[in-house]
Amino acid sequence: MTGSGFRPSFWPTLLTVAMLAVLVGLGTWQLQRLEWKTRLIAERQAGLAGPALPLPADDDALAALEFRKVVARGRFLHDRELHVGSRTSRGKAGYHVLTPLKVGDGTMLLVNRGWVPLDRRDPESRPAGQVGGPVTVTGILRVNAHAGWLTPENQPADNLWFSYDLPAMARAAGLPLRPAVLEADAGDIPGGLPAGGQFRTEIPNRHLEYALTWYALAVVLVVIYIVYHRRRDGDTA
């Protein structure tokens, strides 16, 4: 005699409902992240497409200019430059050169001037690029640049940095640096180094893919649940 109906068992049903709630919840969370990320990308693109804004005098105003084009004028203090390691350009390893810029009001802004190859880390190996006198620098302002969990520890004693740590960099340079870094555009640098325009403004956005994955797993779970009970009912009929 065959079974006449679908008879769900207690524990498999309880576990399935709990897992289904988690999977659907994760999918919905990813859709919320997708909406947030899409809005963030649109805001960043709009900011990058706009004209370069003058560097504000108030430190509190810097955060609002994250990933915006900013222009600053001053003089580079080349004797205080810092080096950020493990940076590549066109497949070649090297460093980013960060140089304090003394702006017109006397404050100090750290400028990421760009990339140099490994064998040009020493400033004496690129004297043409050590521009003297007043300069105008246009670039992207970074305020909240945080190190990733795989980023190596900075080595201030060796002037080797792997992430922006402005308080520590200020101590190493012996200067009261403002809480931001201006990442310079590509420009006509004498000698070609440092090579500017090294900033990255892209934001990965795979949240729709993640959401569909979680929802697909939820569907698979339901299918497994139904098949399991049909086989079970057939075996016990």
Protein backbone atom coordinates (compact mmCIF):
# COMPACT_ATOMS: atom_id res chain seq x y z
CA MET A 1 0.00 0.00 0.00
CA THR A 2 1.46 3.45 -0.94
CA GLY A 3 1.44 6.61 1.18
CA SER A 4 -1.45 8.91 0.58
CA GLY A 5 0.14 12.27 1.54
CA PHE A 6 3.18 14.37 2.31
CA ARG A 7 4.09 13.89 5.99
CA PRO A 8 6.86 16.21 7.17
CA SER A 9 8.92 15.00 10.12
CA PHE A 10 9.60 17.29 13.06
CA TRP A 11 13.39 17.70 13.28
CA PRO A 12 14.16 17.88 9.53
CA THR A 13 11.36 20.43 9.17
CA LEU A 14 12.64 22.51 12.08
CA LEU A 15 16.20 22.50 10.78
CA THR A 16 15.07 23.26 7.24
CA VAL A 17 12.95 26.22 8.35
CA ALA A 18 15.84 27.62 10.39
CA MET A 19 18.34 27.23 7.55
CA LEU A 20 15.84 28.63 5.05
CA ALA A 21 15.36 31.72 7.21
CA VAL A 22 19.12 32.23 7.35
CA LEU A 23 19.60 31.83 3.58
CA VAL A 24 16.71 34.14 2.68
CA GLY A 25 17.93 36.64 5.25
CA LEU A 26 21.42 36.63 3.75
CA GLY A 27 20.02 37.11 0.26
CA THR A 28 17.88 40.03 1.40
CA TRP A 29 20.84 41.57 3.21
CA GLN A 30 22.89 41.39 0.01
CA LEU A 31 20.10 43.18 -1.87
CA GLN A 32 20.23 45.93 0.75
CA ARG A 33 24.01 46.08 0.30
CA LEU A 34 23.48 46.28 -3.46
CA GLU A 35 21.26 49.34 -3.05
CA TRP A 36 23.80 50.99 -0.75
CA LYS A 37 26.76 50.17 -3.00
CA THR A 38 24.97 51.39 -6.14
CA ARG A 39 24.22 54.69 -4.46
CA LEU A 40 27.82 55.00 -3.22
CA ILE A 41 29.22 54.34 -6.71
CA ALA A 42 26.91 56.97 -8.22
CA GLU A 43 27.96 59.53 -5.61
CA ARG A 44 31.65 58.78 -6.16
CA GLN A 45 31.36 59.01 -9.94
CA ALA A 46 29.53 62.32 -9.65
CA GLY A 47 32.24 63.67 -7.36
CA LEU A 48 35.05 62.53 -9.64
CA ALA A 49 33.35 64.06 -12.67
CA GLY A 50 33.05 67.46 -11.00
CA PRO A 51 35.59 70.29 -11.06
CA ALA A 52 38.55 70.32 -8.68
CA LEU A 53 37.68 72.05 -5.43
CA PRO A 54 40.09 74.18 -3.40
CA LEU A 55 41.59 72.52 -0.33
CA PRO A 56 39.51 73.63 2.68
CA ALA A 57 41.26 75.28 5.59
CA ASP A 58 39.10 73.48 8.16
CA ASP A 59 40.08 69.88 8.94
CA ASP A 60 36.47 69.02 9.74
CA ALA A 61 35.53 69.82 6.13
CA LEU A 62 37.95 67.27 4.69
CA ALA A 63 35.75 64.21 5.29
CA ALA A 64 33.06 65.56 2.98
CA LEU A 65 35.60 65.65 0.14
CA GLU A 66 36.54 61.96 0.25
CA PHE A 67 37.20 60.82 -3.34
CA ARG A 68 36.63 64.31 -4.67
CA LYS A 69 39.02 66.22 -6.92
CA VAL A 70 40.92 68.77 -4.88
CA VAL A 71 43.59 71.33 -5.78
CA ALA A 72 46.28 72.50 -3.35
CA ARG A 73 49.12 74.96 -3.74
CA GLY A 74 52.36 75.12 -1.80
CA ARG A 75 55.94 73.87 -1.63
CA PHE A 76 57.12 70.30 -1.30
CA LEU A 77 59.34 69.33 1.63
CA HIS A 78 61.32 66.68 -0.20
CA ASP A 79 63.61 65.95 2.72
CA ARG A 80 60.60 64.52 4.62
CA GLU A 81 59.25 62.16 1.97
CA LEU A 82 57.82 58.80 2.99
CA HIS A 83 57.70 55.54 1.02
CA VAL A 84 54.74 53.17 0.72
CA GLY A 85 55.84 49.72 -0.35
CA SER A 86 54.45 46.82 -2.35
CA ARG A 87 53.03 49.04 -5.08
CA THR A 88 53.03 48.04 -8.73
CA SER A 89 52.68 49.95 -11.97
CA ARG A 90 52.28 48.15 -15.28
CA GLY A 91 53.43 44.94 -13.65
CA LYS A 92 56.59 46.40 -12.12
CA ALA A 93 57.19 46.54 -8.37
CA GLY A 94 58.05 49.76 -6.62
CA TYR A 95 57.00 52.35 -4.09
CA HIS A 96 54.65 55.29 -3.78
CA VAL A 97 56.34 58.52 -2.76
CA LEU A 98 54.45 60.59 -0.18
CA THR A 99 55.76 64.11 0.26
CA PRO A 100 54.52 66.80 2.68
CA LEU A 101 53.23 69.91 0.95
CA LYS A 102 53.46 73.15 2.90
CA VAL A 103 50.41 75.07 1.73
CA GLY A 104 49.95 78.83 1.79
CA ASP A 105 48.48 78.99 5.30
CA GLY A 106 51.45 77.11 6.73
CA THR A 107 49.66 73.78 7.26
CA MET A 108 51.08 70.49 6.01
CA LEU A 109 49.26 68.14 3.65
CA LEU A 110 50.70 64.78 2.69
CA VAL A 111 50.69 64.23 -1.08
CA ASN A 112 51.01 60.83 -2.73
CA ARG A 113 53.04 62.01 -5.70
CA GLY A 114 53.01 58.61 -7.39
CA TRP A 115 55.05 55.53 -8.19
CA VAL A 116 58.79 54.93 -8.52
CA PRO A 117 60.52 51.61 -9.35
CA LEU A 118 62.45 49.71 -6.70
CA ASP A 119 65.81 51.04 -7.85
CA ARG A 120 64.63 54.67 -7.71
CA ARG A 121 63.51 54.79 -4.09
CA ASP A 122 66.46 56.96 -3.14
CA PRO A 123 65.55 60.60 -3.91
CA GLU A 124 69.09 61.19 -5.17
CA SER A 125 68.40 58.75 -8.01
CA ARG A 126 65.62 61.04 -9.36
CA PRO A 127 66.76 64.63 -8.75
CA ALA A 128 64.80 66.01 -11.71
CA GLY A 129 61.53 65.00 -10.03
CA GLN A 130 62.32 66.82 -6.77
CA VAL A 131 60.47 69.92 -7.87
CA GLY A 132 61.37 73.10 -5.99
CA GLY A 133 59.44 76.32 -5.63
CA PRO A 134 55.66 76.81 -5.63
CA VAL A 135 53.60 73.99 -7.12
CA THR A 136 49.95 73.32 -7.81
CA VAL A 137 48.79 69.77 -7.17
CA THR A 138 45.47 68.35 -8.31
CA GLY A 139 44.31 64.93 -7.21
CA ILE A 140 41.88 62.78 -5.28
CA LEU A 141 41.50 63.39 -1.57
CA ARG A 142 41.62 60.36 0.73
CA VAL A 143 40.46 60.68 4.31
CA ASN A 144 39.33 57.25 5.48
CA ALA A 145 41.91 54.92 3.95
CA HIS A 146 42.09 51.87 6.21
CA ALA A 147 44.49 48.95 6.06
CA GLY A 148 43.13 45.55 5.09
CA TRP A 149 43.49 42.60 7.44
CA LEU A 150 46.25 41.11 5.24
CA THR A 151 48.23 44.37 5.07
CA PRO A 152 51.70 44.06 6.66
CA GLU A 153 52.66 46.18 9.64
CA ASN A 154 54.20 49.55 8.87
CA GLN A 155 57.92 49.94 9.56
CA PRO A 156 58.44 53.61 10.50
CA ALA A 157 62.06 53.04 11.54
CA ASP A 158 62.88 52.00 7.95
CA ASN A 159 60.58 54.60 6.36
CA LEU A 160 58.61 51.75 4.86
CA TRP A 161 54.83 51.96 4.99
CA PHE A 162 52.16 49.61 3.71
CA SER A 163 49.09 51.67 4.61
CA TYR A 164 48.21 55.25 5.49
CA ASP A 165 48.67 55.84 9.22
CA LEU A 166 48.67 59.61 9.39
CA PRO A 167 49.43 60.02 13.12
CA ALA A 168 52.45 57.71 12.80
CA MET A 169 53.48 59.34 9.52
CA ALA A 170 53.29 62.76 11.14
CA ARG A 171 55.60 61.58 13.90
CA ALA A 172 58.01 60.05 11.39
CA ALA A 173 58.08 63.22 9.29
CA GLY A 174 58.27 65.44 12.35
CA LEU A 175 55.40 67.57 11.01
CA PRO A 176 51.80 68.34 12.02
CA LEU A 177 50.14 66.71 9.01
CA ARG A 178 46.51 67.33 8.20
CA PRO A 179 44.22 64.26 8.45
CA ALA A 180 44.07 63.52 4.72
CA VAL A 181 46.22 62.45 1.79
CA LEU A 182 46.03 64.04 -1.65
CA GLU A 183 46.70 61.39 -4.31
CA ALA A 184 48.11 63.35 -7.23
CA ASP A 185 46.90 63.14 -10.81
CA ALA A 186 49.24 62.11 -13.58
CA GLY A 187 51.18 65.18 -14.65
CA ASP A 188 54.26 66.36 -16.46
CA ILE A 189 56.85 65.57 -13.78
CA PRO A 190 60.44 66.38 -14.76
CA GLY A 191 62.22 63.09 -15.30
CA GLY A 192 58.88 61.25 -15.28
CA LEU A 193 59.13 60.24 -11.61
CA PRO A 194 57.23 59.90 -9.40
CA ALA A 195 54.53 58.83 -11.86
CA GLY A 196 51.20 60.21 -10.63
CA GLY A 197 47.67 59.04 -11.29
CA GLN A 198 48.11 55.83 -9.30
CA PHE A 199 44.90 56.11 -7.29
CA ARG A 200 42.12 53.56 -7.58
CA THR A 201 38.54 54.74 -7.43
CA GLU A 202 36.68 51.58 -8.50
CA ILE A 203 34.37 49.90 -6.01
CA PRO A 204 33.65 46.19 -6.49
CA ASN A 205 29.93 45.49 -6.62
CA ARG A 206 29.00 41.80 -6.68
CA HIS A 207 26.13 41.97 -4.22
CA LEU A 208 23.50 40.94 -6.79
CA GLU A 209 25.55 37.84 -7.55
CA TYR A 210 25.84 37.07 -3.84
CA ALA A 211 22.09 37.61 -3.33
CA LEU A 212 21.17 35.24 -6.17
CA THR A 213 23.56 32.65 -4.75
CA TRP A 214 21.91 32.73 -1.33
CA TYR A 215 18.42 32.56 -2.83
CA ALA A 216 19.48 29.68 -5.10
CA LEU A 217 20.77 27.77 -2.08
CA ALA A 218 17.41 28.36 -0.39
CA VAL A 219 15.62 26.85 -3.40
CA VAL A 220 17.99 23.86 -3.40
CA LEU A 221 17.32 23.35 0.30
CA VAL A 222 13.56 23.25 -0.29
CA VAL A 223 13.99 20.76 -3.15
CA ILE A 224 16.17 18.50 -0.97
CA TYR A 225 13.59 18.70 1.82
CA ILE A 226 10.74 17.67 -0.48
CA VAL A 227 12.70 14.85 -2.13
CA TYR A 228 13.82 13.53 1.26
CA HIS A 229 10.25 13.32 2.58
CA ARG A 230 8.86 11.78 -0.59
CA ARG A 231 11.47 9.04 -0.47
CA ARG A 232 10.90 8.60 3.25
CA ASP A 233 7.13 8.35 2.81
CA GLY A 234 7.58 5.90 -0.03
CA ASP A 235 9.91 3.73 2.05
CA THR A 236 7.58 3.67 5.04
CA ALA A 237 4.35 3.11 3.14
